């Protein structure tokens, strides 16, 4: 088994500062800076895809019954 090393005081401090910085940083994902990718966009994409699939299934079902 490999021995686990514990961080020294300065390393621990640097890690704590880094984690605090990550908590307070606003992360923004964009598509080549044309538009931002966020929860609202993903919700819209999923909703549109589900609606499209339901319409296609209904169309196929009416095709089979006629």
N, C-alpha and C. Protein backbone atom coordinates (compact mmCIF):
# COMPACT_ATOMS: atom_id res chain seq x y z
N UNK A 1 0.83 -1.19 0.00
CA UNK A 1 0.00 0.00 0.00
C UNK A 1 0.88 1.25 0.00
N UNK A 2 0.39 2.25 -0.70
CA UNK A 2 1.12 3.52 -0.72
C UNK A 2 0.82 4.30 0.54
N UNK A 3 1.82 4.95 1.06
CA UNK A 3 1.63 5.77 2.25
C UNK A 3 0.93 7.07 1.87
N UNK A 4 -0.05 7.43 2.67
CA UNK A 4 -0.76 8.69 2.42
C UNK A 4 -0.04 9.82 3.12
N UNK A 5 0.12 10.92 2.41
CA UNK A 5 0.78 12.06 3.05
C UNK A 5 -0.28 13.08 3.43
N UNK A 6 -0.08 13.72 4.54
CA UNK A 6 -1.00 14.76 4.98
C UNK A 6 -0.44 16.11 4.55
N UNK A 7 -1.33 17.03 4.13
CA UNK A 7 -0.84 18.34 3.69
C UNK A 7 -0.21 19.11 4.84
N UNK A 8 0.82 19.86 4.51
CA UNK A 8 1.46 20.70 5.51
C UNK A 8 0.58 21.92 5.76
N UNK A 9 0.95 22.72 6.72
CA UNK A 9 0.15 23.90 7.07
C UNK A 9 -0.03 24.86 5.91
N UNK A 10 1.04 25.13 5.16
CA UNK A 10 0.93 26.07 4.05
C UNK A 10 0.11 25.49 2.90
N UNK A 11 0.26 24.19 2.67
CA UNK A 11 -0.52 23.54 1.62
C UNK A 11 -2.00 23.54 1.98
N UNK A 12 -2.29 23.26 3.23
CA UNK A 12 -3.68 23.26 3.69
C UNK A 12 -4.29 24.66 3.54
N UNK A 13 -3.52 25.68 3.88
CA UNK A 13 -3.99 27.07 3.74
C UNK A 13 -4.28 27.40 2.28
N UNK A 14 -3.36 27.02 1.40
CA UNK A 14 -3.55 27.28 -0.04
C UNK A 14 -4.80 26.56 -0.56
N UNK A 15 -5.01 25.32 -0.13
CA UNK A 15 -6.20 24.57 -0.55
C UNK A 15 -7.48 25.23 -0.04
N UNK A 16 -7.46 25.70 1.19
CA UNK A 16 -8.63 26.38 1.76
C UNK A 16 -8.92 27.67 1.00
N UNK A 17 -7.89 28.43 0.68
CA UNK A 17 -8.07 29.67 -0.07
C UNK A 17 -8.61 29.40 -1.47
N UNK A 18 -8.10 28.35 -2.10
CA UNK A 18 -8.56 27.98 -3.43
C UNK A 18 -10.02 27.56 -3.41
N UNK A 19 -10.42 26.77 -2.41
CA UNK A 19 -11.82 26.32 -2.33
C UNK A 19 -12.75 27.50 -2.05
N UNK A 20 -12.32 28.46 -1.25
CA UNK A 20 -13.13 29.66 -0.99
C UNK A 20 -13.28 30.47 -2.27
N UNK A 21 -12.20 30.58 -3.04
CA UNK A 21 -12.26 31.32 -4.30
C UNK A 21 -13.23 30.64 -5.28
N UNK A 22 -13.21 29.32 -5.34
CA UNK A 22 -14.12 28.60 -6.22
C UNK A 22 -15.58 28.79 -5.81
N UNK A 23 -15.82 28.86 -4.51
CA UNK A 23 -17.20 29.05 -4.03
C UNK A 23 -17.76 30.41 -4.42
N UNK A 24 -16.92 31.41 -4.48
CA UNK A 24 -17.38 32.77 -4.74
C UNK A 24 -17.26 33.19 -6.20
N UNK A 25 -16.75 32.33 -7.03
CA UNK A 25 -16.57 32.67 -8.44
C UNK A 25 -17.84 32.32 -9.22
N UNK A 26 -18.30 33.24 -10.05
CA UNK A 26 -19.43 32.97 -10.93
C UNK A 26 -18.91 32.24 -12.16
N UNK A 27 -19.37 31.01 -12.32
CA UNK A 27 -18.96 30.21 -13.46
C UNK A 27 -20.02 30.34 -14.53
N UNK A 28 -19.60 30.65 -15.74
CA UNK A 28 -20.53 30.84 -16.84
C UNK A 28 -20.06 30.03 -18.02
N UNK A 29 -20.92 29.17 -18.51
CA UNK A 29 -20.63 28.39 -19.70
C UNK A 29 -21.29 29.06 -20.88
N UNK A 30 -20.55 29.24 -21.96
CA UNK A 30 -21.11 29.86 -23.15
C UNK A 30 -20.83 28.99 -24.36
N UNK A 31 -21.60 29.23 -25.41
CA UNK A 31 -21.38 28.56 -26.68
C UNK A 31 -20.68 29.57 -27.58
N UNK A 32 -19.37 29.57 -27.52
CA UNK A 32 -18.54 30.51 -28.29
C UNK A 32 -18.93 31.95 -28.04
N UNK A 33 -19.40 32.23 -26.83
CA UNK A 33 -19.82 33.55 -26.38
C UNK A 33 -21.01 34.11 -27.17
N UNK A 34 -21.75 33.24 -27.88
CA UNK A 34 -22.97 33.66 -28.56
C UNK A 34 -24.13 33.72 -27.58
N UNK A 35 -24.22 32.71 -26.72
CA UNK A 35 -25.26 32.67 -25.69
C UNK A 35 -24.75 31.83 -24.53
N UNK A 36 -25.34 32.08 -23.36
CA UNK A 36 -24.91 31.34 -22.18
C UNK A 36 -25.72 30.05 -22.05
N UNK A 37 -25.04 29.05 -21.56
CA UNK A 37 -25.68 27.75 -21.33
C UNK A 37 -25.95 27.67 -19.84
N UNK A 38 -27.23 27.72 -19.48
CA UNK A 38 -27.60 27.67 -18.07
C UNK A 38 -28.78 26.73 -17.88
N UNK A 39 -29.31 26.69 -16.68
CA UNK A 39 -30.40 25.78 -16.37
C UNK A 39 -31.64 26.05 -17.19
N UNK A 40 -31.95 27.32 -17.44
CA UNK A 40 -33.14 27.66 -18.23
C UNK A 40 -33.05 27.15 -19.65
N UNK A 41 -31.88 27.27 -20.25
CA UNK A 41 -31.69 26.78 -21.61
C UNK A 41 -31.82 25.27 -21.66
N UNK A 42 -31.19 24.58 -20.73
CA UNK A 42 -31.27 23.12 -20.71
C UNK A 42 -32.70 22.65 -20.49
N UNK A 43 -33.45 23.35 -19.63
CA UNK A 43 -34.85 23.00 -19.39
C UNK A 43 -35.66 23.19 -20.67
N UNK A 44 -35.41 24.25 -21.40
CA UNK A 44 -36.11 24.49 -22.67
C UNK A 44 -35.79 23.42 -23.70
N UNK A 45 -34.53 23.04 -23.79
CA UNK A 45 -34.13 22.00 -24.75
C UNK A 45 -34.80 20.68 -24.41
N UNK A 46 -34.81 20.31 -23.15
CA UNK A 46 -35.43 19.05 -22.74
C UNK A 46 -36.93 19.08 -22.98
N UNK A 47 -37.58 20.19 -22.63
CA UNK A 47 -39.02 20.32 -22.85
C UNK A 47 -39.39 20.25 -24.31
N UNK A 48 -38.63 20.93 -25.16
CA UNK A 48 -38.88 20.91 -26.60
C UNK A 48 -38.69 19.51 -27.17
N UNK A 49 -37.64 18.83 -26.73
CA UNK A 49 -37.37 17.47 -27.21
C UNK A 49 -38.50 16.52 -26.81
N UNK A 50 -38.96 16.60 -25.57
CA UNK A 50 -40.05 15.72 -25.12
C UNK A 50 -41.33 16.02 -25.90
N UNK A 51 -41.64 17.30 -26.11
CA UNK A 51 -42.83 17.67 -26.87
C UNK A 51 -42.74 17.13 -28.29
N UNK A 52 -41.60 17.27 -28.93
CA UNK A 52 -41.40 16.77 -30.29
C UNK A 52 -41.59 15.26 -30.33
N UNK A 53 -41.04 14.54 -29.36
CA UNK A 53 -41.17 13.08 -29.32
C UNK A 53 -42.63 12.66 -29.15
N UNK A 54 -43.39 13.38 -28.32
CA UNK A 54 -44.80 13.05 -28.13
C UNK A 54 -45.57 13.26 -29.43
N UNK A 55 -45.30 14.34 -30.13
CA UNK A 55 -45.99 14.61 -31.40
C UNK A 55 -45.65 13.53 -32.41
N UNK A 56 -44.40 13.14 -32.51
CA UNK A 56 -43.98 12.08 -33.45
C UNK A 56 -44.66 10.76 -33.10
N UNK A 57 -44.73 10.42 -31.81
CA UNK A 57 -45.39 9.17 -31.40
C UNK A 57 -46.87 9.20 -31.76
N UNK A 58 -47.54 10.33 -31.55
CA UNK A 58 -48.95 10.44 -31.89
C UNK A 58 -49.15 10.32 -33.41
N UNK A 59 -48.27 10.90 -34.18
CA UNK A 59 -48.34 10.82 -35.63
C UNK A 59 -48.18 9.38 -36.09
N UNK A 60 -47.20 8.67 -35.52
CA UNK A 60 -46.97 7.27 -35.88
C UNK A 60 -48.16 6.41 -35.48
N UNK A 61 -48.76 6.70 -34.32
CA UNK A 61 -49.90 5.93 -33.85
C UNK A 61 -51.10 6.13 -34.78
N UNK A 62 -51.34 7.37 -35.23
CA UNK A 62 -52.46 7.62 -36.13
C UNK A 62 -52.19 7.00 -37.51
N UNK A 63 -50.94 6.91 -37.89
CA UNK A 63 -50.56 6.28 -39.16
C UNK A 63 -50.85 4.77 -39.12
N UNK A 64 -50.59 4.14 -37.97
CA UNK A 64 -50.83 2.71 -37.84
C UNK A 64 -52.30 2.36 -37.78
N UNK A 65 -53.11 3.24 -37.20
CA UNK A 65 -54.54 2.93 -37.05
C UNK A 65 -55.31 3.20 -38.33
N UNK A 66 -54.78 3.92 -39.28
CA UNK A 66 -55.52 4.17 -40.52
C UNK A 66 -55.10 3.26 -41.63
